[in-house]
Amino acid sequence: MDNKFITIVAHTLKVDPKTLNENSTADVTPGWDSLMHWVVISELEDIYEVEFTMDEATSFKNLGDIYTTLMKKLS
């Protein structure tokens, strides 16, 4: 995962970027609840100018899943 992605997610969740990695989930990341999940998705969509489907957004298990799907949309 690249620094820009981590920085966006960390800023949105108000956590230290060093605490995030591809295996980070809502279960282990402070402040990442169901509402914040949608805020993160929205921020990423706005900044990267992509759109996640509802199925994609609800199936993400961790940051790695989000990043992988994002990169596919950008390629």
Protein backbone atom coordinates (compact mmCIF):
# COMPACT_ATOMS: atom_id res chain seq x y z
CA MET A 1 0.00 0.00 0.00
CA ASP A 2 1.31 3.41 -0.85
CA ASN A 3 1.85 6.32 1.49
CA LYS A 4 -0.92 8.47 -0.03
CA PHE A 5 -3.54 5.79 0.60
CA ILE A 6 -2.38 5.20 4.18
CA THR A 7 -2.27 8.93 4.87
CA ILE A 8 -5.83 9.44 3.60
CA VAL A 9 -7.21 6.58 5.67
CA ALA A 10 -5.24 7.59 8.78
CA HIS A 11 -6.35 11.21 8.48
CA THR A 12 -9.98 10.18 8.00
CA LEU A 13 -9.92 7.83 10.98
CA LYS A 14 -7.76 10.22 13.03
CA VAL A 15 -5.15 7.55 13.79
CA ASP A 16 -1.38 7.37 13.42
CA PRO A 17 -0.53 6.14 9.91
CA LYS A 18 2.09 3.84 11.44
CA THR A 19 -0.72 1.83 13.04
CA LEU A 20 -2.24 0.91 9.68
CA ASN A 21 -1.27 -1.90 7.33
CA GLU A 22 -2.93 -4.16 4.78
CA ASN A 23 -4.39 -6.35 7.55
CA SER A 24 -5.97 -3.47 9.48
CA THR A 25 -9.67 -3.99 10.13
CA ALA A 26 -12.45 -2.15 11.90
CA ASP A 27 -12.11 -4.64 14.76
CA VAL A 28 -8.59 -3.50 15.63
CA THR A 29 -8.53 0.13 14.46
CA PRO A 30 -9.83 2.75 16.91
CA GLY A 31 -12.59 4.91 15.49
CA TRP A 32 -13.31 2.63 12.55
CA ASP A 33 -16.97 1.77 12.97
CA SER A 34 -19.66 1.21 10.37
CA LEU A 35 -20.23 4.93 9.83
CA MET A 36 -16.52 5.67 9.48
CA HIS A 37 -16.21 2.83 6.99
CA TRP A 38 -18.48 4.79 4.64
CA VAL A 39 -16.60 8.02 5.34
CA VAL A 40 -13.32 6.31 4.38
CA ILE A 41 -14.89 4.92 1.20
CA SER A 42 -16.30 8.34 0.32
CA GLU A 43 -12.96 10.07 0.90
CA LEU A 44 -11.14 7.57 -1.29
CA GLU A 45 -13.75 7.93 -4.03
CA ASP A 46 -13.46 11.72 -3.96
CA ILE A 47 -9.68 11.88 -3.89
CA TYR A 48 -8.99 9.13 -6.42
CA GLU A 49 -12.05 9.96 -8.56
CA VAL A 50 -13.37 6.41 -8.57
CA GLU A 51 -16.61 4.81 -7.46
CA PHE A 52 -16.92 1.61 -5.48
CA THR A 53 -20.03 -0.47 -5.99
CA MET A 54 -22.19 -1.24 -2.98
CA ASP A 55 -21.14 -4.89 -3.24
CA GLU A 56 -17.47 -3.91 -3.21
CA ALA A 57 -17.82 -1.50 -0.31
CA THR A 58 -19.69 -3.99 1.84
CA SER A 59 -17.35 -6.89 1.07
CA PHE A 60 -14.08 -5.26 2.12
CA LYS A 61 -12.52 -7.18 5.01
CA ASN A 62 -9.42 -5.05 5.58
CA LEU A 63 -7.40 -2.16 4.15
CA GLY A 64 -5.63 -4.52 1.78
CA ASP A 65 -8.95 -5.40 0.15
CA ILE A 66 -9.84 -1.73 -0.28
CA TYR A 67 -6.41 -0.90 -1.69
CA THR A 68 -6.40 -3.82 -4.13
CA THR A 69 -9.81 -2.86 -5.50
CA LEU A 70 -8.80 0.79 -5.70
CA MET A 71 -5.66 -0.04 -7.68
CA LYS A 72 -7.69 -2.17 -10.12
CA LYS A 73 -10.00 0.78 -10.73
CA LEU A 74 -7.06 3.08 -11.37
CA SER A 75 -5.35 0.82 -13.88
